[in-house]
């Protein structure tokens, strides 16, 4: 593994501080810094940025461990070639791109579900009870599918958090720069070239993203798959643009 670079080290420290601090403070920190749907009263303008430094609460350690492992592994290689300024610009941009696509997909799902309830003549009071408390009566379930109720509640109430969107941008950049690099993956005994690994990973995220998540017991993943896709797409666009315009390290330092 390449020696950890300075900006990657600083990002690692910031993420760890956020993780320890948010677990110490509790729900207040998550309401302030995780990314909520813009029409939710918990939404704040800074959340698209701060959410990329937040991770799942204890005892879930794997969320931050895997993200930080990927940050150190792939980020150090990229910063080594790009320099600090270009790297941090790329990292933050991918994180914001992830937040943008995730929020856009949430907006689509929320209003699609809301329109379905309105067309079924579900009262505003029942809609608000579902949004605020996650409660609905059997008569509503007879009018619209339960999956639509899940879609409305999940899109509106469940915040997004984590560095995964920015990490997917790094993965995309790594595959763009080192397509033949062989990556070892847990549970798979043979290494896979980066040019196959990253597109395969994105394909899985797209499938799972369109399949959907559930909070009412249908077995959803609880993972913001479209945030992953958003980070990767942002990373790809930036890499394509830089290559086309022949950006290099000297233009950033």
C-alpha atoms as a PDB file:
ATOM      1  CA  UNK A   1       0.000   0.000   0.000  1.00  0.00           C
ATOM      2  CA  UNK A   2       1.255   3.484  -0.866  1.00  0.00           C
ATOM      3  CA  UNK A   3       2.245   5.729   2.042  1.00  0.00           C
ATOM      4  CA  UNK A   4      -0.657   7.847   3.267  1.00  0.00           C
ATOM      5  CA  UNK A   5      -0.522  11.340   1.770  1.00  0.00           C
ATOM      6  CA  UNK A   6      -1.087  14.519   3.745  1.00  0.00           C
ATOM      7  CA  UNK A   7      -4.538  15.545   2.510  1.00  0.00           C
ATOM      8  CA  UNK A   8      -5.816  11.985   2.840  1.00  0.00           C
ATOM      9  CA  UNK A   9      -4.497  11.948   6.404  1.00  0.00           C
ATOM     10  CA  UNK A  10      -6.341  15.188   7.180  1.00  0.00           C
ATOM     11  CA  UNK A  11      -9.584  13.835   5.687  1.00  0.00           C
ATOM     12  CA  UNK A  12      -9.167  10.667   7.739  1.00  0.00           C
ATOM     13  CA  UNK A  13      -8.739  12.699  10.937  1.00  0.00           C
ATOM     14  CA  UNK A  14     -11.780  14.889  10.142  1.00  0.00           C
ATOM     15  CA  UNK A  15     -13.946  11.820   9.531  1.00  0.00           C
ATOM     16  CA  UNK A  16     -12.826  10.209  12.786  1.00  0.00           C
ATOM     17  CA  UNK A  17     -13.481  13.429  14.727  1.00  0.00           C
ATOM     18  CA  UNK A  18     -16.958  13.692  13.199  1.00  0.00           C
ATOM     19  CA  UNK A  19     -17.609  10.042  13.999  1.00  0.00           C
ATOM     20  CA  UNK A  20     -16.555  10.255  17.644  1.00  0.00           C
ATOM     21  CA  UNK A  21     -18.243  13.620  18.144  1.00  0.00           C
ATOM     22  CA  UNK A  22     -21.545  12.619  16.532  1.00  0.00           C
ATOM     23  CA  UNK A  23     -21.707   9.405  18.561  1.00  0.00           C
ATOM     24  CA  UNK A  24     -21.025  11.383  21.736  1.00  0.00           C
ATOM     25  CA  UNK A  25     -23.612  14.079  20.978  1.00  0.00           C
ATOM     26  CA  UNK A  26     -26.158  11.649  19.527  1.00  0.00           C
ATOM     27  CA  UNK A  27     -29.263  12.414  17.461  1.00  0.00           C
ATOM     28  CA  UNK A  28     -28.761  16.184  17.577  1.00  0.00           C
ATOM     29  CA  UNK A  29     -25.562  15.865  15.553  1.00  0.00           C
ATOM     30  CA  UNK A  30     -27.171  13.574  13.002  1.00  0.00           C
ATOM     31  CA  UNK A  31     -30.125  15.934  12.561  1.00  0.00           C
ATOM     32  CA  UNK A  32     -27.749  18.841  12.002  1.00  0.00           C
ATOM     33  CA  UNK A  33     -25.130  17.253   9.746  1.00  0.00           C
ATOM     34  CA  UNK A  34     -26.666  14.268   7.903  1.00  0.00           C
ATOM     35  CA  UNK A  35     -28.386  15.064   4.595  1.00  0.00           C
ATOM     36  CA  UNK A  36     -32.171  15.326   4.823  1.00  0.00           C
ATOM     37  CA  UNK A  37     -34.655  15.732   2.005  1.00  0.00           C
ATOM     38  CA  UNK A  38     -34.903  19.494   1.257  1.00  0.00           C
ATOM     39  CA  UNK A  39     -38.633  19.703   2.116  1.00  0.00           C
ATOM     40  CA  UNK A  40     -38.012  18.094   5.517  1.00  0.00           C
ATOM     41  CA  UNK A  41     -37.805  20.570   8.422  1.00  0.00           C
ATOM     42  CA  UNK A  42     -34.470  19.026   9.459  1.00  0.00           C
ATOM     43  CA  UNK A  43     -32.781  20.043   6.202  1.00  0.00           C
ATOM     44  CA  UNK A  44     -29.958  22.600   6.450  1.00  0.00           C
ATOM     45  CA  UNK A  45     -28.061  24.228   3.597  1.00  0.00           C
ATOM     46  CA  UNK A  46     -24.678  22.879   4.794  1.00  0.00           C
ATOM     47  CA  UNK A  47     -25.776  19.220   4.909  1.00  0.00           C
ATOM     48  CA  UNK A  48     -24.660  18.260   1.357  1.00  0.00           C
ATOM     49  CA  UNK A  49     -21.117  19.024   2.544  1.00  0.00           C
ATOM     50  CA  UNK A  50     -21.191  17.872   6.170  1.00  0.00           C
ATOM     51  CA  UNK A  51     -23.011  14.608   5.417  1.00  0.00           C
ATOM     52  CA  UNK A  52     -19.957  13.255   3.614  1.00  0.00           C
ATOM     53  CA  UNK A  53     -18.074  13.314   6.944  1.00  0.00           C
ATOM     54  CA  UNK A  54     -20.824  11.535   8.894  1.00  0.00           C
ATOM     55  CA  UNK A  55     -21.131   7.764   9.305  1.00  0.00           C
ATOM     56  CA  UNK A  56     -23.530   5.267  10.838  1.00  0.00           C
ATOM     57  CA  UNK A  57     -23.760   5.274  14.608  1.00  0.00           C
ATOM     58  CA  UNK A  58     -22.164   2.741  16.904  1.00  0.00           C
ATOM     59  CA  UNK A  59     -22.109  -0.234  17.040  1.00  0.00           C
ATOM     60  CA  UNK A  60     -21.894  -0.073  13.231  1.00  0.00           C
ATOM     61  CA  UNK A  61     -18.160   0.294  12.663  1.00  0.00           C
ATOM     62  CA  UNK A  62     -17.958  -1.239   9.192  1.00  0.00           C
ATOM     63  CA  UNK A  63     -19.454   1.828   7.481  1.00  0.00           C
ATOM     64  CA  UNK A  64     -16.625   4.150   8.475  1.00  0.00           C
ATOM     65  CA  UNK A  65     -13.942   1.411   8.439  1.00  0.00           C
ATOM     66  CA  UNK A  66     -14.549   0.409   4.826  1.00  0.00           C
ATOM     67  CA  UNK A  67     -14.861   4.032   3.665  1.00  0.00           C
ATOM     68  CA  UNK A  68     -11.671   5.114   5.392  1.00  0.00           C
ATOM     69  CA  UNK A  69      -9.792   2.057   4.152  1.00  0.00           C
ATOM     70  CA  UNK A  70     -10.798   2.948   0.585  1.00  0.00           C
ATOM     71  CA  UNK A  71      -9.925   6.612   1.164  1.00  0.00           C
ATOM     72  CA  UNK A  72      -6.404   5.726   2.285  1.00  0.00           C
ATOM     73  CA  UNK A  73      -5.891   3.023  -0.357  1.00  0.00           C
ATOM     74  CA  UNK A  74      -7.130   4.888  -3.438  1.00  0.00           C
ATOM     75  CA  UNK A  75      -6.930   8.491  -2.277  1.00  0.00           C
ATOM     76  CA  UNK A  76      -3.231   8.335  -1.474  1.00  0.00           C
ATOM     77  CA  UNK A  77      -2.420   7.042  -4.944  1.00  0.00           C
ATOM     78  CA  UNK A  78      -4.442   9.812  -6.594  1.00  0.00           C
ATOM     79  CA  UNK A  79      -3.085  12.594  -4.385  1.00  0.00           C
ATOM     80  CA  UNK A  80       0.433  11.358  -5.077  1.00  0.00           C
ATOM     81  CA  UNK A  81      -0.071  11.979  -8.801  1.00  0.00           C
ATOM     82  CA  UNK A  82      -2.356  15.030  -8.626  1.00  0.00           C
ATOM     83  CA  UNK A  83      -1.189  17.003  -5.628  1.00  0.00           C
ATOM     84  CA  UNK A  84      -3.271  18.220  -2.701  1.00  0.00           C
ATOM     85  CA  UNK A  85      -5.356  20.975  -4.338  1.00  0.00           C
ATOM     86  CA  UNK A  86      -6.564  18.964  -7.286  1.00  0.00           C
ATOM     87  CA  UNK A  87      -7.255  15.947  -5.069  1.00  0.00           C
ATOM     88  CA  UNK A  88      -9.370  17.807  -2.489  1.00  0.00           C
ATOM     89  CA  UNK A  89     -11.283  19.608  -5.254  1.00  0.00           C
ATOM     90  CA  UNK A  90     -12.055  16.270  -6.876  1.00  0.00           C
ATOM     91  CA  UNK A  91     -13.015  14.598  -3.581  1.00  0.00           C
ATOM     92  CA  UNK A  92     -15.414  17.348  -2.458  1.00  0.00           C
ATOM     93  CA  UNK A  93     -16.919  17.657  -5.949  1.00  0.00           C
ATOM     94  CA  UNK A  94     -17.681  13.934  -6.057  1.00  0.00           C
ATOM     95  CA  UNK A  95     -19.248  14.103  -2.609  1.00  0.00           C
ATOM     96  CA  UNK A  96     -21.482  16.996  -3.671  1.00  0.00           C
ATOM     97  CA  UNK A  97     -22.344  15.234  -6.930  1.00  0.00           C
ATOM     98  CA  UNK A  98     -23.386  12.205  -4.903  1.00  0.00           C
ATOM     99  CA  UNK A  99     -25.612  14.360  -2.690  1.00  0.00           C
ATOM    100  CA  UNK A 100     -27.167  16.013  -5.751  1.00  0.00           C
ATOM    101  CA  UNK A 101     -28.134  12.772  -7.509  1.00  0.00           C
ATOM    102  CA  UNK A 102     -29.348  11.177  -4.266  1.00  0.00           C
ATOM    103  CA  UNK A 103     -31.533  14.213  -3.517  1.00  0.00           C
ATOM    104  CA  UNK A 104     -32.819  14.330  -7.090  1.00  0.00           C
ATOM    105  CA  UNK A 105     -33.844  10.674  -6.952  1.00  0.00           C
ATOM    106  CA  UNK A 106     -35.478  11.232  -3.551  1.00  0.00           C
ATOM    107  CA  UNK A 107     -37.406  14.187  -5.006  1.00  0.00           C
ATOM    108  CA  UNK A 108     -38.684  12.020  -7.850  1.00  0.00           C
ATOM    109  CA  UNK A 109     -39.694   9.158  -5.544  1.00  0.00           C
ATOM    110  CA  UNK A 110     -41.307  11.444  -2.973  1.00  0.00           C
ATOM    111  CA  UNK A 111     -43.485  13.323  -5.460  1.00  0.00           C
ATOM    112  CA  UNK A 112     -44.338  10.167  -7.384  1.00  0.00           C
ATOM    113  CA  UNK A 113     -45.606   8.562  -4.172  1.00  0.00           C
ATOM    114  CA  UNK A 114     -47.345  11.743  -3.045  1.00  0.00           C
ATOM    115  CA  UNK A 115     -49.171  11.988  -6.373  1.00  0.00           C
ATOM    116  CA  UNK A 116     -50.314   8.375  -6.030  1.00  0.00           C
ATOM    117  CA  UNK A 117     -51.786   9.111  -2.590  1.00  0.00           C
ATOM    118  CA  UNK A 118     -53.473  12.278  -3.834  1.00  0.00           C
ATOM    119  CA  UNK A 119     -54.984  10.429  -6.798  1.00  0.00           C
ATOM    120  CA  UNK A 120     -56.319   7.842  -4.335  1.00  0.00           C
ATOM    121  CA  UNK A 121     -57.911  10.734  -2.366  1.00  0.00           C
ATOM    122  CA  UNK A 122     -55.938  10.034   0.798  1.00  0.00           C
ATOM    123  CA  UNK A 123     -56.496  12.947   3.170  1.00  0.00           C
ATOM    124  CA  UNK A 124     -53.788  15.473   3.960  1.00  0.00           C
ATOM    125  CA  UNK A 125     -54.032  14.472   7.621  1.00  0.00           C
ATOM    126  CA  UNK A 126     -53.299  10.837   6.790  1.00  0.00           C
ATOM    127  CA  UNK A 127     -50.377  11.872   4.589  1.00  0.00           C
ATOM    128  CA  UNK A 128     -48.920  13.978   7.410  1.00  0.00           C
ATOM    129  CA  UNK A 129     -49.374  11.106   9.886  1.00  0.00           C
ATOM    130  CA  UNK A 130     -47.422   8.870   7.537  1.00  0.00           C
ATOM    131  CA  UNK A 131     -44.651  11.427   7.024  1.00  0.00           C
ATOM    132  CA  UNK A 132     -44.275  12.426  10.660  1.00  0.00           C
ATOM    133  CA  UNK A 133     -44.955   9.150  12.472  1.00  0.00           C
ATOM    134  CA  UNK A 134     -44.690   6.408   9.860  1.00  0.00           C
ATOM    135  CA  UNK A 135     -48.277   5.371  10.637  1.00  0.00           C
ATOM    136  CA  UNK A 136     -51.034   4.404   8.238  1.00  0.00           C
ATOM    137  CA  UNK A 137     -54.310   2.513   8.571  1.00  0.00           C
ATOM    138  CA  UNK A 138     -55.464  -0.524   6.640  1.00  0.00           C
ATOM    139  CA  UNK A 139     -57.909   1.476   4.544  1.00  0.00           C
ATOM    140  CA  UNK A 140     -55.008   3.424   3.006  1.00  0.00           C
ATOM    141  CA  UNK A 141     -53.137   0.194   2.272  1.00  0.00           C
ATOM    142  CA  UNK A 142     -56.191  -0.936   0.299  1.00  0.00           C
ATOM    143  CA  UNK A 143     -56.004   2.194  -1.866  1.00  0.00           C
ATOM    144  CA  UNK A 144     -52.284   2.260  -2.657  1.00  0.00           C
ATOM    145  CA  UNK A 145     -49.516  -0.370  -2.436  1.00  0.00           C
ATOM    146  CA  UNK A 146     -47.538  -0.531   0.797  1.00  0.00           C
ATOM    147  CA  UNK A 147     -44.401  -0.007  -1.302  1.00  0.00           C
ATOM    148  CA  UNK A 148     -45.725   3.464  -2.204  1.00  0.00           C
ATOM    149  CA  UNK A 149     -46.166   4.305   1.483  1.00  0.00           C
ATOM    150  CA  UNK A 150     -42.629   3.098   2.154  1.00  0.00           C
ATOM    151  CA  UNK A 151     -41.349   5.178  -0.750  1.00  0.00           C
ATOM    152  CA  UNK A 152     -42.981   8.355   0.578  1.00  0.00           C
ATOM    153  CA  UNK A 153     -41.793   7.898   4.159  1.00  0.00           C
ATOM    154  CA  UNK A 154     -38.287   6.744   3.295  1.00  0.00           C
ATOM    155  CA  UNK A 155     -37.610   9.555   0.797  1.00  0.00           C
ATOM    156  CA  UNK A 156     -38.819  12.238   3.184  1.00  0.00           C
ATOM    157  CA  UNK A 157     -37.463  11.068   6.529  1.00  0.00           C
ATOM    158  CA  UNK A 158     -34.341   8.944   6.192  1.00  0.00           C
ATOM    159  CA  UNK A 159     -31.151  11.034   5.989  1.00  0.00           C
ATOM    160  CA  UNK A 160     -28.136  10.189   3.871  1.00  0.00           C
ATOM    161  CA  UNK A 161     -24.660  10.142   5.362  1.00  0.00           C
ATOM    162  CA  UNK A 162     -21.188   8.826   4.666  1.00  0.00           C
ATOM    163  CA  UNK A 163     -18.150   9.361   2.490  1.00  0.00           C
ATOM    164  CA  UNK A 164     -19.223   6.641   0.041  1.00  0.00           C
ATOM    165  CA  UNK A 165     -20.191   9.033  -2.757  1.00  0.00           C
ATOM    166  CA  UNK A 166     -16.792  10.715  -2.683  1.00  0.00           C
ATOM    167  CA  UNK A 167     -15.113   7.299  -2.367  1.00  0.00           C
ATOM    168  CA  UNK A 168     -16.888   6.065  -5.494  1.00  0.00           C
ATOM    169  CA  UNK A 169     -15.501   9.094  -7.271  1.00  0.00           C
ATOM    170  CA  UNK A 170     -12.014   8.054  -6.175  1.00  0.00           C
ATOM    171  CA  UNK A 171     -12.617   4.501  -7.357  1.00  0.00           C
ATOM    172  CA  UNK A 172     -13.721   5.795 -10.751  1.00  0.00           C
ATOM    173  CA  UNK A 173     -10.665   8.041 -11.045  1.00  0.00           C
ATOM    174  CA  UNK A 174      -8.391   5.167 -10.031  1.00  0.00           C
ATOM    175  CA  UNK A 175      -9.909   2.894 -12.689  1.00  0.00           C
ATOM    176  CA  UNK A 176      -9.610   5.729 -15.218  1.00  0.00           C
ATOM    177  CA  UNK A 177      -5.909   6.215 -14.469  1.00  0.00           C
ATOM    178  CA  UNK A 178      -4.914   2.619 -13.699  1.00  0.00           C
ATOM    179  CA  UNK A 179      -7.379   0.394 -15.593  1.00  0.00           C
ATOM    180  CA  UNK A 180      -5.129  -2.676 -15.493  1.00  0.00           C
ATOM    181  CA  UNK A 181      -4.446  -2.500 -11.746  1.00  0.00           C
ATOM    182  CA  UNK A 182      -5.632  -5.698 -10.069  1.00  0.00           C
ATOM    183  CA  UNK A 183      -7.821  -5.254  -7.009  1.00  0.00           C
ATOM    184  CA  UNK A 184      -8.342  -7.897  -4.375  1.00  0.00           C
ATOM    185  CA  UNK A 185     -11.906  -8.162  -3.073  1.00  0.00           C
ATOM    186  CA  UNK A 186     -13.052  -9.835   0.120  1.00  0.00           C
ATOM    187  CA  UNK A 187     -14.781 -13.199  -0.472  1.00  0.00           C
ATOM    188  CA  UNK A 188     -13.535 -13.340  -4.103  1.00  0.00           C
ATOM    189  CA  UNK A 189     -10.334 -15.432  -4.381  1.00  0.00           C
ATOM    190  CA  UNK A 190      -9.003 -13.894  -7.614  1.00  0.00           C
ATOM    191  CA  UNK A 191      -7.954 -10.268  -8.283  1.00  0.00           C
ATOM    192  CA  UNK A 192     -10.095  -8.213 -10.677  1.00  0.00           C
ATOM    193  CA  UNK A 193      -8.798  -5.465 -12.934  1.00  0.00           C
ATOM    194  CA  UNK A 194      -9.973  -1.993 -11.979  1.00  0.00           C
ATOM    195  CA  UNK A 195     -11.572  -1.410 -15.396  1.00  0.00           C
ATOM    196  CA  UNK A 196     -13.938  -4.323 -14.699  1.00  0.00           C
ATOM    197  CA  UNK A 197     -14.321  -3.925 -10.959  1.00  0.00           C
ATOM    198  CA  UNK A 198     -15.654  -0.346 -10.908  1.00  0.00           C
ATOM    199  CA  UNK A 199     -18.268  -0.723 -13.690  1.00  0.00           C
ATOM    200  CA  UNK A 200     -19.396  -3.993 -12.096  1.00  0.00           C
ATOM    201  CA  UNK A 201     -19.779  -2.302  -8.731  1.00  0.00           C
ATOM    202  CA  UNK A 202     -21.805   0.514 -10.303  1.00  0.00           C
ATOM    203  CA  UNK A 203     -24.045  -1.953 -12.100  1.00  0.00           C
ATOM    204  CA  UNK A 204     -24.858  -3.608  -8.780  1.00  0.00           C
ATOM    205  CA  UNK A 205     -25.641  -0.218  -7.228  1.00  0.00           C
ATOM    206  CA  UNK A 206     -27.949   0.710 -10.098  1.00  0.00           C
ATOM    207  CA  UNK A 207     -29.842  -2.573  -9.829  1.00  0.00           C
ATOM    208  CA  UNK A 208     -30.194  -2.316  -6.054  1.00  0.00           C
ATOM    209  CA  UNK A 209     -31.051   1.388  -6.299  1.00  0.00           C
ATOM    210  CA  UNK A 210     -33.949   0.771  -8.678  1.00  0.00           C
ATOM    211  CA  UNK A 211     -35.027  -2.251  -6.657  1.00  0.00           C
ATOM    212  CA  UNK A 212     -35.503   0.077  -3.702  1.00  0.00           C
ATOM    213  CA  UNK A 213     -35.162   0.007   0.089  1.00  0.00           C
ATOM    214  CA  UNK A 214     -37.723  -0.720   2.743  1.00  0.00           C
ATOM    215  CA  UNK A 215     -38.330   0.457   6.295  1.00  0.00           C
ATOM    216  CA  UNK A 216     -41.538  -1.512   6.871  1.00  0.00           C
ATOM    217  CA  UNK A 217     -40.034  -4.979   6.951  1.00  0.00           C
ATOM    218  CA  UNK A 218     -39.665  -5.851   3.274  1.00  0.00           C
ATOM    219  CA  UNK A 219     -35.914  -6.206   3.612  1.00  0.00           C
ATOM    220  CA  UNK A 220     -34.439  -3.074   2.090  1.00  0.00           C
ATOM    221  CA  UNK A 221     -30.730  -2.391   2.173  1.00  0.00           C
ATOM    222  CA  UNK A 222     -30.784   1.078   3.746  1.00  0.00           C
ATOM    223  CA  UNK A 223     -27.925   2.054   1.410  1.00  0.00           C
ATOM    224  CA  UNK A 224     -28.003   5.247  -0.676  1.00  0.00           C
ATOM    225  CA  UNK A 225     -27.136   3.508  -3.948  1.00  0.00           C
ATOM    226  CA  UNK A 226     -27.780   6.575  -6.086  1.00  0.00           C
ATOM    227  CA  UNK A 227     -25.335   8.572  -3.972  1.00  0.00           C
ATOM    228  CA  UNK A 228     -22.701   6.010  -4.974  1.00  0.00           C
ATOM    229  CA  UNK A 229     -23.696   6.354  -8.626  1.00  0.00           C
ATOM    230  CA  UNK A 230     -23.709  10.154  -8.339  1.00  0.00           C
ATOM    231  CA  UNK A 231     -20.174  10.203  -6.955  1.00  0.00           C
ATOM    232  CA  UNK A 232     -18.939   7.858  -9.659  1.00  0.00           C
ATOM    233  CA  UNK A 233     -20.641   9.786 -12.478  1.00  0.00           C
ATOM    234  CA  UNK A 234     -19.248  13.074 -11.180  1.00  0.00           C
ATOM    235  CA  UNK A 235     -15.788  11.510 -10.989  1.00  0.00           C
ATOM    236  CA  UNK A 236     -16.041  10.142 -14.513  1.00  0.00           C
ATOM    237  CA  UNK A 237     -17.177  13.480 -15.968  1.00  0.00           C
ATOM    238  CA  UNK A 238     -14.342  15.315 -14.251  1.00  0.00           C
ATOM    239  CA  UNK A 239     -11.742  12.773 -15.373  1.00  0.00           C
ATOM    240  CA  UNK A 240     -13.044  12.891 -18.949  1.00  0.00           C
ATOM    241  CA  UNK A 241     -13.003  16.703 -18.926  1.00  0.00           C
ATOM    242  CA  UNK A 242      -9.502  16.918 -17.466  1.00  0.00           C
ATOM    243  CA  UNK A 243      -8.137  14.408 -19.956  1.00  0.00           C
ATOM    244  CA  UNK A 244      -9.801  16.184 -22.859  1.00  0.00           C
ATOM    245  CA  UNK A 245      -8.423  19.559 -21.758  1.00  0.00           C
ATOM    246  CA  UNK A 246      -5.076  18.118 -20.685  1.00  0.00           C
ATOM    247  CA  UNK A 247      -5.240  19.291 -17.077  1.00  0.00           C
ATOM    248  CA  UNK A 248      -2.112  18.510 -15.127  1.00  0.00           C
ATOM    249  CA  UNK A 249      -0.752  18.898 -11.629  1.00  0.00           C
ATOM    250  CA  UNK A 250       1.071  22.155 -12.357  1.00  0.00           C
ATOM    251  CA  UNK A 251      -2.206  23.944 -13.088  1.00  0.00           C
ATOM    252  CA  UNK A 252      -3.381  23.289  -9.535  1.00  0.00           C
ATOM    253  CA  UNK A 253      -0.289  23.973  -7.420  1.00  0.00           C
END
